[in-house]
Structure formats: structure tokens, C-alpha cells
Amino acid sequence: MNLLLAEVAQAAQRLAEAGVPSPRFDAEELAAYVHGVKRGQLHSVADGEFDARYWEAVARREAREPLQHITGRAFFRYLELQVGPGVFVPRPETESVVGWAIDAVRAMDVAEPVVVDLCTGSGAIALALAQEVPRSRVHAVELSEQALEWARKNVAGSKVDLRAGDALSAFPDLNGQVDLVVSNPPYIPLRERPLVAPEARDHDPELALFSGEDGLDAIRGIERTAHRLLRPGGVVVIEHADSQGGQVPWIFHEDAGWADAADHPDLNNRPRFTTARKAVP
């Protein structure tokens, strides 16, 4: 075993003792980042090339600073995104939400499907849709100025129409013209703040995490925004906590102008997102 691999093993132990959920992966990812290689190439780093800054990075992760803040990058589907303080770090569970949305847009018999991403954060969802469904026209909105700066960096050079503003009043120019609305809004109940992992509670912006006593305030508002934006037959896809499975479909009820509201599981088979179709008169 070379020096770096030995140090990675020690780092993984330290991270495990600190309660980091994926200590080995994080130790390897930090080593790869500091040494400018891929994780699968760590064995190629010669002993004389070991960089002591590795232990500085490990100490930051040990203190439960998000891995993505240390490396400055987050991976989402086929994207590598720039992230850091002030923006919500995209999570793997959201990939199943976007996968469903992409399949739905691809199946639409529309030449240029119009997609709106509400509460875009880093721009991950909007950019994934624009990249994987090139014929779509993707619009995104973000309220936080700090998050918006990260989103601008990520969507630069893409065709995503990124705007600053409140998701609840955004895109009046698109009323009744949108084919799909997608959102990963804040949905953690305020009462659950003490239960949130330190990486999120202490580093993700509160605006992206918490939403009222039951966590559903933002989703209730987005339901009305989605209904305003969508054409008849258009679809909404909205992420929620696994503990809210069964609750969110009731927000998209028939009396509010919706049809086919249903929950869907994430990659771990936990209820993760709701879809509904705007009723056709």
C-alpha cells in the first residue's frame, strides 16, 4: 500500500468516528480532489507526491462541512456543478425526480416542450432537462441572490432562461403555456430542525430547507403557481420528504383542477415525489 492509500484509510476511520455517513467514499473523494486525479487513480499517486493539504480537507469534513463545499463541485446525473456556501447542494434522491420529468417531456407530442423549474437553486434540475431533452425550452427561477450566483455559473453557455424572483409569482408571461413544471422546494417542517444532518442544517440555506410547521407551505404555493402556468393536460412534478408520502397528492386534488395525482418512490423505494396533470376542461 502506498502512502496516500494508507492516509486515506486513516482518514476514513476519522470520518467514521465523526459520524460522516459515507466515510470511505468521502476520504477517497477528498484525496482525489487534493491530488488532481480520479478516485480510481489514487494508487498511481507516488509517495513523494503526497499533499499535506489532504489533512486540512479531512479536518473540514470531520467538522461536518459538506464534501461538496470543500471540493467546490457536485455531481448530478451527467452534470458536474459548481456549488458552495449559499446554495443547496443537489442530492442523489432528486435524480429520480428529474428522471421521471425527462421521460415525461420526451414522451410529449410537442415540437419544443416548455419546462419551468421553480426554486432552481444551483440550476441542477433545469440544466439536466436542457441537456437531456435538447428540443425543450427550459426556464428557471430562484429567489436567493446567493444561490442565483451559483446557478448563473452553472447554466452559463446553456439555453436555460434563468430569472431572479419568487416562485409563487414567477413567469406571468408563460401563463397557460407550460408543458411541465418541476420543483424541489423546501419541505422540512420547522419542528424537525434538530433532526436535520449538520451538513444541511448548518450549511444549506434555510430558505431551501424549511417550510412551515408541517413542511408543506411552499408546496401549497407551488400547486397554485403550477396550475397557473400549465396548459390543460400539462404535468407537475414536485419533490417532497419520504415522511410526506400520501399527503402531497391531496394538495393536487380534483376540486383544485388536477387529475391523476400520485406519489412515486426514489431509488431507495421511499415515497419521494408527486406528479399530477392539469385537468382538461
C-alpha atoms as a PDB file:
ATOM      1  CA  MET A   1       0.000   0.000   0.000  1.00  0.00           C
ATOM      2  CA  ASN A   2       1.394   3.413  -0.958  1.00  0.00           C
ATOM      3  CA  LEU A   3       1.416   6.380   1.399  1.00  0.00           C
ATOM      4  CA  LEU A   4      -1.719   8.016   0.021  1.00  0.00           C
ATOM      5  CA  LEU A   5      -3.836   4.871   0.308  1.00  0.00           C
ATOM      6  CA  ALA A   6      -2.640   4.410   3.885  1.00  0.00           C
ATOM      7  CA  GLU A   7      -3.587   8.010   4.686  1.00  0.00           C
ATOM      8  CA  VAL A   8      -6.998   7.516   3.056  1.00  0.00           C
ATOM      9  CA  ALA A   9      -7.643   4.520   5.320  1.00  0.00           C
ATOM     10  CA  GLN A  10      -6.789   6.621   8.378  1.00  0.00           C
ATOM     11  CA  ALA A  11      -8.964   9.464   7.126  1.00  0.00           C
ATOM     12  CA  ALA A  12     -11.910   7.126   6.577  1.00  0.00           C
ATOM     13  CA  GLN A  13     -11.605   5.975  10.187  1.00  0.00           C
ATOM     14  CA  ARG A  14     -11.575   9.562  11.440  1.00  0.00           C
ATOM     15  CA  LEU A  15     -14.595  10.468   9.360  1.00  0.00           C
ATOM     16  CA  ALA A  16     -16.489   7.395  10.552  1.00  0.00           C
ATOM     17  CA  GLU A  17     -15.827   8.350  14.171  1.00  0.00           C
ATOM     18  CA  ALA A  18     -17.126  11.862  13.401  1.00  0.00           C
ATOM     19  CA  GLY A  19     -20.414  10.382  12.167  1.00  0.00           C
ATOM     20  CA  VAL A  20     -19.911  11.129   8.475  1.00  0.00           C
ATOM     21  CA  PRO A  21     -22.414   8.897   6.597  1.00  0.00           C
ATOM     22  CA  SER A  22     -20.059   7.767   3.807  1.00  0.00           C
ATOM     23  CA  PRO A  23     -16.559   7.936   5.346  1.00  0.00           C
ATOM     24  CA  ARG A  24     -14.621   5.816   2.843  1.00  0.00           C
ATOM     25  CA  PHE A  25     -16.117   7.483  -0.210  1.00  0.00           C
ATOM     26  CA  ASP A  26     -15.538  10.958   1.221  1.00  0.00           C
ATOM     27  CA  ALA A  27     -11.961  10.172   2.222  1.00  0.00           C
ATOM     28  CA  GLU A  28     -11.219   8.950  -1.303  1.00  0.00           C
ATOM     29  CA  GLU A  29     -13.022  11.853  -2.971  1.00  0.00           C
ATOM     30  CA  LEU A  30     -11.068  14.381  -0.912  1.00  0.00           C
ATOM     31  CA  ALA A  31      -7.804  12.626  -1.781  1.00  0.00           C
ATOM     32  CA  ALA A  32      -8.686  12.649  -5.457  1.00  0.00           C
ATOM     33  CA  TYR A  33      -9.626  16.343  -5.304  1.00  0.00           C
ATOM     34  CA  VAL A  34      -6.456  17.441  -3.484  1.00  0.00           C
ATOM     35  CA  HIS A  35      -4.173  15.408  -5.754  1.00  0.00           C
ATOM     36  CA  GLY A  36      -5.930  16.233  -9.013  1.00  0.00           C
ATOM     37  CA  VAL A  37      -6.795  12.672 -10.002  1.00  0.00           C
ATOM     38  CA  LYS A  38      -9.888  10.480 -10.218  1.00  0.00           C
ATOM     39  CA  ARG A  39     -10.786   8.186  -7.319  1.00  0.00           C
ATOM     40  CA  GLY A  40      -9.788   5.147  -9.376  1.00  0.00           C
ATOM     41  CA  GLN A  41      -6.314   6.621  -9.883  1.00  0.00           C
ATOM     42  CA  LEU A  42      -5.370   7.135  -6.230  1.00  0.00           C
ATOM     43  CA  HIS A  43      -2.983   4.173  -6.360  1.00  0.00           C
ATOM     44  CA  SER A  44      -0.957   6.000  -9.027  1.00  0.00           C
ATOM     45  CA  VAL A  45      -0.013   8.905  -6.715  1.00  0.00           C
ATOM     46  CA  ALA A  46       3.624   8.370  -5.722  1.00  0.00           C
ATOM     47  CA  ASP A  47       4.660   8.730  -2.090  1.00  0.00           C
ATOM     48  CA  GLY A  48       6.692  11.813  -2.920  1.00  0.00           C
ATOM     49  CA  GLU A  49       3.608  13.444  -4.402  1.00  0.00           C
ATOM     50  CA  PHE A  50       1.525  13.193  -1.216  1.00  0.00           C
ATOM     51  CA  ASP A  51      -0.009  16.603  -0.478  1.00  0.00           C
ATOM     52  CA  ALA A  52      -0.324  17.500   3.209  1.00  0.00           C
ATOM     53  CA  ARG A  53      -3.304  19.719   2.376  1.00  0.00           C
ATOM     54  CA  TYR A  54      -5.245  16.476   2.336  1.00  0.00           C
ATOM     55  CA  TRP A  55      -5.438  16.526   6.110  1.00  0.00           C
ATOM     56  CA  GLU A  56      -6.778  20.084   6.079  1.00  0.00           C
ATOM     57  CA  ALA A  57      -9.597  18.905   3.826  1.00  0.00           C
ATOM     58  CA  VAL A  58     -10.240  15.876   6.041  1.00  0.00           C
ATOM     59  CA  ALA A  59     -10.465  18.108   9.126  1.00  0.00           C
ATOM     60  CA  ARG A  60     -13.104  20.257   7.423  1.00  0.00           C
ATOM     61  CA  ARG A  61     -15.161  17.182   6.530  1.00  0.00           C
ATOM     62  CA  GLU A  62     -14.647  15.828  10.035  1.00  0.00           C
ATOM     63  CA  ALA A  63     -16.311  19.022  11.281  1.00  0.00           C
ATOM     64  CA  ARG A  64     -19.273  18.074   9.023  1.00  0.00           C
ATOM     65  CA  GLU A  65     -18.674  20.702   6.375  1.00  0.00           C
ATOM     66  CA  PRO A  66     -20.281  19.306   3.208  1.00  0.00           C
ATOM     67  CA  LEU A  67     -17.938  17.393   0.930  1.00  0.00           C
ATOM     68  CA  GLN A  68     -19.202  19.454  -1.999  1.00  0.00           C
ATOM     69  CA  HIS A  69     -18.290  22.740  -0.291  1.00  0.00           C
ATOM     70  CA  ILE A  70     -14.736  21.521   0.202  1.00  0.00           C
ATOM     71  CA  THR A  71     -14.286  20.347  -3.379  1.00  0.00           C
ATOM     72  CA  GLY A  72     -16.492  23.071  -4.873  1.00  0.00           C
ATOM     73  CA  ARG A  73     -18.304  20.582  -7.064  1.00  0.00           C
ATOM     74  CA  ALA A  74     -21.381  18.375  -7.005  1.00  0.00           C
ATOM     75  CA  PHE A  75     -22.269  15.601  -9.402  1.00  0.00           C
ATOM     76  CA  PHE A  76     -25.874  15.294 -10.585  1.00  0.00           C
ATOM     77  CA  ARG A  77     -26.874  12.828 -13.290  1.00  0.00           C
ATOM     78  CA  TYR A  78     -24.450  13.687 -16.144  1.00  0.00           C
ATOM     79  CA  LEU A  79     -23.513  17.095 -14.746  1.00  0.00           C
ATOM     80  CA  GLU A  80     -20.646  18.466 -12.694  1.00  0.00           C
ATOM     81  CA  LEU A  81     -21.937  21.573 -10.929  1.00  0.00           C
ATOM     82  CA  GLN A  82     -20.219  24.388  -9.063  1.00  0.00           C
ATOM     83  CA  VAL A  83     -21.554  24.719  -5.507  1.00  0.00           C
ATOM     84  CA  GLY A  84     -20.596  26.350  -2.248  1.00  0.00           C
ATOM     85  CA  PRO A  85     -21.934  28.440   0.634  1.00  0.00           C
ATOM     86  CA  GLY A  86     -25.331  29.960  -0.086  1.00  0.00           C
ATOM     87  CA  VAL A  87     -26.728  27.282  -2.387  1.00  0.00           C
ATOM     88  CA  PHE A  88     -28.483  23.984  -1.708  1.00  0.00           C
ATOM     89  CA  VAL A  89     -26.286  21.020  -2.631  1.00  0.00           C
ATOM     90  CA  PRO A  90     -28.228  18.729  -5.018  1.00  0.00           C
ATOM     91  CA  ARG A  91     -28.930  15.270  -3.595  1.00  0.00           C
ATOM     92  CA  PRO A  92     -28.949  11.867  -5.326  1.00  0.00           C
ATOM     93  CA  GLU A  93     -32.628  11.314  -4.463  1.00  0.00           C
ATOM     94  CA  THR A  94     -33.573  14.226  -6.698  1.00  0.00           C
ATOM     95  CA  GLU A  95     -32.155  12.361  -9.686  1.00  0.00           C
ATOM     96  CA  SER A  96     -35.212  10.085  -9.693  1.00  0.00           C
ATOM     97  CA  VAL A  97     -37.462  13.152  -9.755  1.00  0.00           C
ATOM     98  CA  VAL A  98     -35.614  14.534 -12.765  1.00  0.00           C
ATOM     99  CA  GLY A  99     -35.554  11.138 -14.457  1.00  0.00           C
ATOM    100  CA  TRP A 100     -39.343  10.982 -14.326  1.00  0.00           C
ATOM    101  CA  ALA A 101     -39.611  14.542 -15.625  1.00  0.00           C
ATOM    102  CA  ILE A 102     -37.237  13.842 -18.516  1.00  0.00           C
ATOM    103  CA  ASP A 103     -39.180  10.742 -19.538  1.00  0.00           C
ATOM    104  CA  ALA A 104     -42.437  12.700 -19.398  1.00  0.00           C
ATOM    105  CA  VAL A 105     -41.096  15.530 -21.572  1.00  0.00           C
ATOM    106  CA  ARG A 106     -39.592  13.116 -24.098  1.00  0.00           C
ATOM    107  CA  ALA A 107     -42.966  11.380 -24.422  1.00  0.00           C
ATOM    108  CA  MET A 108     -44.834  14.610 -25.178  1.00  0.00           C
ATOM    109  CA  ASP A 109     -46.058  15.096 -28.718  1.00  0.00           C
ATOM    110  CA  VAL A 110     -44.820  18.690 -28.703  1.00  0.00           C
ATOM    111  CA  ALA A 111     -42.139  20.108 -31.003  1.00  0.00           C
ATOM    112  CA  GLU A 112     -40.495  22.270 -28.308  1.00  0.00           C
ATOM    113  CA  PRO A 113     -41.805  21.387 -24.845  1.00  0.00           C
ATOM    114  CA  VAL A 114     -41.809  24.305 -22.412  1.00  0.00           C
ATOM    115  CA  VAL A 115     -40.418  23.400 -18.979  1.00  0.00           C
ATOM    116  CA  VAL A 116     -40.297  25.527 -15.828  1.00  0.00           C
ATOM    117  CA  ASP A 117     -38.086  24.747 -12.819  1.00  0.00           C
ATOM    118  CA  LEU A 118     -39.299  26.525  -9.681  1.00  0.00           C
ATOM    119  CA  CYS A 119     -36.777  27.069  -6.819  1.00  0.00           C
ATOM    120  CA  THR A 120     -33.872  26.108  -9.074  1.00  0.00           C
ATOM    121  CA  GLY A 121     -31.052  26.557  -6.513  1.00  0.00           C
ATOM    122  CA  SER A 122     -27.837  25.506  -8.244  1.00  0.00           C
ATOM    123  CA  GLY A 123     -29.687  25.070 -11.544  1.00  0.00           C
ATOM    124  CA  ALA A 124     -29.208  21.289 -11.434  1.00  0.00           C
ATOM    125  CA  ILE A 125     -32.731  20.297 -12.470  1.00  0.00           C
ATOM    126  CA  ALA A 126     -33.090  22.907 -15.211  1.00  0.00           C
ATOM    127  CA  LEU A 127     -29.671  22.141 -16.664  1.00  0.00           C
ATOM    128  CA  ALA A 128     -30.254  18.370 -16.640  1.00  0.00           C
ATOM    129  CA  LEU A 129     -33.530  18.803 -18.535  1.00  0.00           C
ATOM    130  CA  ALA A 130     -31.963  21.191 -21.046  1.00  0.00           C
ATOM    131  CA  GLN A 131     -29.068  18.810 -21.626  1.00  0.00           C
ATOM    132  CA  GLU A 132     -31.032  15.567 -21.837  1.00  0.00           C
ATOM    133  CA  VAL A 133     -34.025  16.921 -23.767  1.00  0.00           C
ATOM    134  CA  PRO A 134     -32.337  19.295 -26.234  1.00  0.00           C
ATOM    135  CA  ARG A 135     -35.579  20.190 -28.005  1.00  0.00           C
ATOM    136  CA  SER A 136     -37.107  21.578 -24.788  1.00  0.00           C
ATOM    137  CA  ARG A 137     -37.236  25.245 -23.781  1.00  0.00           C
ATOM    138  CA  VAL A 138     -36.263  25.402 -20.126  1.00  0.00           C
ATOM    139  CA  HIS A 139     -36.963  28.302 -17.766  1.00  0.00           C
ATOM    140  CA  ALA A 140     -35.816  28.511 -14.136  1.00  0.00           C
ATOM    141  CA  VAL A 141     -36.308  30.902 -11.232  1.00  0.00           C
ATOM    142  CA  GLU A 142     -34.521  31.411  -7.900  1.00  0.00           C
ATOM    143  CA  LEU A 143     -35.282  33.855  -5.091  1.00  0.00           C
ATOM    144  CA  SER A 144     -31.964  33.807  -3.207  1.00  0.00           C
ATOM    145  CA  GLU A 145     -29.311  36.108  -4.629  1.00  0.00           C
ATOM    146  CA  GLN A 146     -26.514  33.879  -3.321  1.00  0.00           C
ATOM    147  CA  ALA A 147     -27.996  30.756  -4.890  1.00  0.00           C
ATOM    148  CA  LEU A 148     -28.667  32.671  -8.079  1.00  0.00           C
ATOM    149  CA  GLU A 149     -24.970  33.452  -8.464  1.00  0.00           C
ATOM    150  CA  TRP A 150     -24.148  29.742  -8.362  1.00  0.00           C
ATOM    151  CA  ALA A 151     -26.950  28.962 -10.796  1.00  0.00           C
ATOM    152  CA  ARG A 152     -25.649  31.594 -13.222  1.00  0.00           C
ATOM    153  CA  LYS A 153     -22.225  29.952 -13.192  1.00  0.00           C
ATOM    154  CA  ASN A 154     -23.728  26.535 -13.858  1.00  0.00           C
ATOM    155  CA  VAL A 155     -26.127  27.467 -16.654  1.00  0.00           C
ATOM    156  CA  ALA A 156     -23.665  29.787 -18.414  1.00  0.00           C
ATOM    157  CA  GLY A 157     -23.452  28.783 -22.052  1.00  0.00           C
ATOM    158  CA  SER A 158     -26.646  26.722 -21.895  1.00  0.00           C
ATOM    159  CA  LYS A 159     -30.059  27.633 -23.265  1.00  0.00           C
ATOM    160  CA  VAL A 160     -31.677  27.800 -19.809  1.00  0.00           C
ATOM    161  CA  ASP A 161     -33.639  31.024 -19.244  1.00  0.00           C
ATOM    162  CA  LEU A 162     -32.655  31.829 -15.643  1.00  0.00           C
ATOM    163  CA  ARG A 163     -34.510  34.560 -13.776  1.00  0.00           C
ATOM    164  CA  ALA A 164     -34.426  36.094 -10.309  1.00  0.00           C
ATOM    165  CA  GLY A 165     -37.716  36.065  -8.471  1.00  0.00           C
ATOM    166  CA  ASP A 166     -40.276  34.375  -6.272  1.00  0.00           C
ATOM    167  CA  ALA A 167     -41.511  31.004  -7.492  1.00  0.00           C
ATOM    168  CA  LEU A 168     -45.057  31.903  -6.453  1.00  0.00           C
ATOM    169  CA  SER A 169     -45.323  34.842  -8.834  1.00  0.00           C
ATOM    170  CA  ALA A 170     -42.779  33.892 -11.499  1.00  0.00           C
ATOM    171  CA  PHE A 171     -43.242  33.734 -15.265  1.00  0.00           C
ATOM    172  CA  PRO A 172     -46.552  35.577 -15.771  1.00  0.00           C
ATOM    173  CA  ASP A 173     -45.574  35.683 -19.462  1.00  0.00           C
ATOM    174  CA  LEU A 174     -45.856  31.883 -19.590  1.00  0.00           C
ATOM    175  CA  ASN A 175     -49.315  31.503 -18.049  1.00  0.00           C
ATOM    176  CA  GLY A 176     -51.142  28.587 -19.624  1.00  0.00           C
ATOM    177  CA  GLN A 177     -48.251  27.751 -21.982  1.00  0.00           C
ATOM    178  CA  VAL A 178     -46.054  25.382 -19.961  1.00  0.00           C
ATOM    179  CA  ASP A 179     -45.917  21.639 -20.625  1.00  0.00           C
ATOM    180  CA  LEU A 180     -44.133  20.599 -17.424  1.00  0.00           C
ATOM    181  CA  VAL A 181     -43.427  22.273 -14.088  1.00  0.00           C
ATOM    182  CA  VAL A 182     -40.785  20.681 -11.864  1.00  0.00           C
ATOM    183  CA  SER A 183     -39.624  21.710  -8.414  1.00  0.00           C
ATOM    184  CA  ASN A 184     -37.510  20.625  -5.471  1.00  0.00           C
ATOM    185  CA  PRO A 185     -38.894  23.141  -2.968  1.00  0.00           C
ATOM    186  CA  PRO A 186     -38.182  23.493   0.762  1.00  0.00           C
ATOM    187  CA  TYR A 187     -40.230  20.867   2.592  1.00  0.00           C
ATOM    188  CA  ILE A 188     -38.727  20.211   6.035  1.00  0.00           C
ATOM    189  CA  PRO A 189     -41.085  21.022   8.936  1.00  0.00           C
ATOM    190  CA  LEU A 190     -39.677  23.655  11.280  1.00  0.00           C
ATOM    191  CA  ARG A 191     -40.182  21.303  14.235  1.00  0.00           C
ATOM    192  CA  GLU A 192     -37.700  18.848  12.681  1.00  0.00           C
ATOM    193  CA  ARG A 193     -34.783  21.301  12.642  1.00  0.00           C
ATOM    194  CA  PRO A 194     -32.910  19.475  15.438  1.00  0.00           C
ATOM    195  CA  LEU A 195     -33.096  16.218  13.453  1.00  0.00           C
ATOM    196  CA  VAL A 196     -31.538  17.582  10.273  1.00  0.00           C
ATOM    197  CA  ALA A 197     -27.990  16.422   9.473  1.00  0.00           C
ATOM    198  CA  PRO A 198     -25.326  19.038  10.298  1.00  0.00           C
ATOM    199  CA  GLU A 199     -24.216  19.220   6.641  1.00  0.00           C
ATOM    200  CA  ALA A 200     -27.674  20.541   5.702  1.00  0.00           C
ATOM    201  CA  ARG A 201     -28.731  22.341   8.880  1.00  0.00           C
ATOM    202  CA  ASP A 202     -25.503  24.309   9.283  1.00  0.00           C
ATOM    203  CA  HIS A 203     -24.540  24.857   5.642  1.00  0.00           C
ATOM    204  CA  ASP A 204     -27.509  24.696   3.257  1.00  0.00           C
ATOM    205  CA  PRO A 205     -29.545  27.932   3.144  1.00  0.00           C
ATOM    206  CA  GLU A 206     -32.616  27.824   5.408  1.00  0.00           C
ATOM    207  CA  LEU A 207     -34.698  29.178   2.535  1.00  0.00           C
ATOM    208  CA  ALA A 208     -34.091  25.905   0.698  1.00  0.00           C
ATOM    209  CA  LEU A 209     -34.841  23.652   3.674  1.00  0.00           C
ATOM    210  CA  PHE A 210     -37.710  24.706   5.919  1.00  0.00           C
ATOM    211  CA  SER A 211     -41.308  25.460   5.019  1.00  0.00           C
ATOM    212  CA  GLY A 212     -43.760  25.978   7.865  1.00  0.00           C
ATOM    213  CA  GLU A 213     -44.873  23.766  10.710  1.00  0.00           C
ATOM    214  CA  ASP A 214     -45.760  20.793   8.516  1.00  0.00           C
ATOM    215  CA  GLY A 215     -43.200  21.459   5.775  1.00  0.00           C
ATOM    216  CA  LEU A 216     -45.859  21.864   3.100  1.00  0.00           C
ATOM    217  CA  ASP A 217     -46.266  25.653   2.880  1.00  0.00           C
ATOM    218  CA  ALA A 218     -44.072  26.027  -0.217  1.00  0.00           C
ATOM    219  CA  ILE A 219     -45.693  23.042  -1.931  1.00  0.00           C
ATOM    220  CA  ARG A 220     -49.147  24.544  -1.370  1.00  0.00           C
ATOM    221  CA  GLY A 221     -47.979  27.758  -3.027  1.00  0.00           C
ATOM    222  CA  ILE A 222     -46.300  25.931  -5.903  1.00  0.00           C
ATOM    223  CA  GLU A 223     -49.518  23.993  -6.539  1.00  0.00           C
ATOM    224  CA  ARG A 224     -51.269  27.254  -7.442  1.00  0.00           C
ATOM    225  CA  THR A 225     -48.286  28.506  -9.476  1.00  0.00           C
ATOM    226  CA  ALA A 226     -48.127  25.243 -11.427  1.00  0.00           C
ATOM    227  CA  HIS A 227     -51.854  25.382 -12.150  1.00  0.00           C
ATOM    228  CA  ARG A 228     -51.462  28.957 -13.430  1.00  0.00           C
ATOM    229  CA  LEU A 229     -48.505  28.111 -15.665  1.00  0.00           C
ATOM    230  CA  LEU A 230     -49.526  24.766 -17.142  1.00  0.00           C
ATOM    231  CA  ARG A 231     -51.600  24.249 -20.249  1.00  0.00           C
ATOM    232  CA  PRO A 232     -54.535  21.844 -19.874  1.00  0.00           C
ATOM    233  CA  GLY A 233     -53.016  18.365 -19.784  1.00  0.00           C
ATOM    234  CA  GLY A 234     -49.643  19.712 -18.628  1.00  0.00           C
ATOM    235  CA  VAL A 235     -47.801  17.955 -15.804  1.00  0.00           C
ATOM    236  CA  VAL A 236     -46.280  18.976 -12.480  1.00  0.00           C
ATOM    237  CA  VAL A 237     -43.502  17.027 -10.725  1.00  0.00           C
ATOM    238  CA  ILE A 238     -42.651  18.042  -7.169  1.00  0.00           C
ATOM    239  CA  GLU A 239     -40.234  16.531  -4.653  1.00  0.00           C
ATOM    240  CA  HIS A 240     -41.175  16.011  -1.004  1.00  0.00           C
ATOM    241  CA  ALA A 241     -39.884  14.231   2.095  1.00  0.00           C
ATOM    242  CA  ASP A 242     -40.438  10.498   2.343  1.00  0.00           C
ATOM    243  CA  SER A 243     -42.469  11.139   5.507  1.00  0.00           C
ATOM    244  CA  GLN A 244     -44.893  13.245   3.443  1.00  0.00           C
ATOM    245  CA  GLY A 245     -45.847  10.404   1.141  1.00  0.00           C
ATOM    246  CA  GLY A 246     -49.616  10.366   0.794  1.00  0.00           C
ATOM    247  CA  GLN A 247     -50.015  13.976   1.952  1.00  0.00           C
ATOM    248  CA  VAL A 248     -48.810  15.854  -1.127  1.00  0.00           C
ATOM    249  CA  PRO A 249     -51.144  14.184  -3.673  1.00  0.00           C
ATOM    250  CA  TRP A 250     -54.066  15.504  -1.627  1.00  0.00           C
ATOM    251  CA  ILE A 251     -52.847  19.054  -2.292  1.00  0.00           C
ATOM    252  CA  PHE A 252     -53.248  18.370  -6.030  1.00  0.00           C
ATOM    253  CA  HIS A 253     -56.886  17.310  -5.724  1.00  0.00           C
ATOM    254  CA  GLU A 254     -59.609  17.270  -8.352  1.00  0.00           C
ATOM    255  CA  ASP A 255     -61.517  20.234  -6.904  1.00  0.00           C
ATOM    256  CA  ALA A 256     -58.382  22.355  -7.429  1.00  0.00           C
ATOM    257  CA  GLY A 257     -58.287  21.438 -11.124  1.00  0.00           C
ATOM    258  CA  TRP A 258     -55.984  18.411 -11.101  1.00  0.00           C
ATOM    259  CA  ALA A 259     -56.145  14.802 -12.272  1.00  0.00           C
ATOM    260  CA  ASP A 260     -54.063  11.647 -11.781  1.00  0.00           C
ATOM    261  CA  ALA A 261     -52.224  12.880  -8.670  1.00  0.00           C
ATOM    262  CA  ALA A 262     -49.887  10.150  -7.425  1.00  0.00           C
ATOM    263  CA  ASP A 263     -46.765   9.516  -5.370  1.00  0.00           C
ATOM    264  CA  HIS A 264     -43.606   7.881  -6.742  1.00  0.00           C
ATOM    265  CA  PRO A 265     -40.640   6.189  -5.000  1.00  0.00           C
ATOM    266  CA  ASP A 266     -36.989   7.204  -5.131  1.00  0.00           C
ATOM    267  CA  LEU A 267     -34.049   4.853  -5.724  1.00  0.00           C
ATOM    268  CA  ASN A 268     -34.425   3.549  -2.159  1.00  0.00           C
ATOM    269  CA  ASN A 269     -38.119   2.809  -2.732  1.00  0.00           C
ATOM    270  CA  ARG A 270     -39.253   5.611  -0.410  1.00  0.00           C
ATOM    271  CA  PRO A 271     -42.068   7.978  -1.452  1.00  0.00           C
ATOM    272  CA  ARG A 272     -40.136  10.932  -2.879  1.00  0.00           C
ATOM    273  CA  PHE A 273     -42.197  12.948  -5.358  1.00  0.00           C
ATOM    274  CA  THR A 274     -45.722  13.662  -6.515  1.00  0.00           C
ATOM    275  CA  THR A 275     -46.944  14.095 -10.062  1.00  0.00           C
ATOM    276  CA  ALA A 276     -50.280  15.453 -11.256  1.00  0.00           C
ATOM    277  CA  ARG A 277     -51.865  16.528 -14.508  1.00  0.00           C
ATOM    278  CA  LYS A 278     -53.777  19.759 -15.011  1.00  0.00           C
ATOM    279  CA  ALA A 279     -57.340  18.761 -15.765  1.00  0.00           C
ATOM    280  CA  VAL A 280     -58.626  19.268 -19.272  1.00  0.00           C
ATOM    281  CA  PRO A 281     -61.956  21.161 -19.246  1.00  0.00           C
END
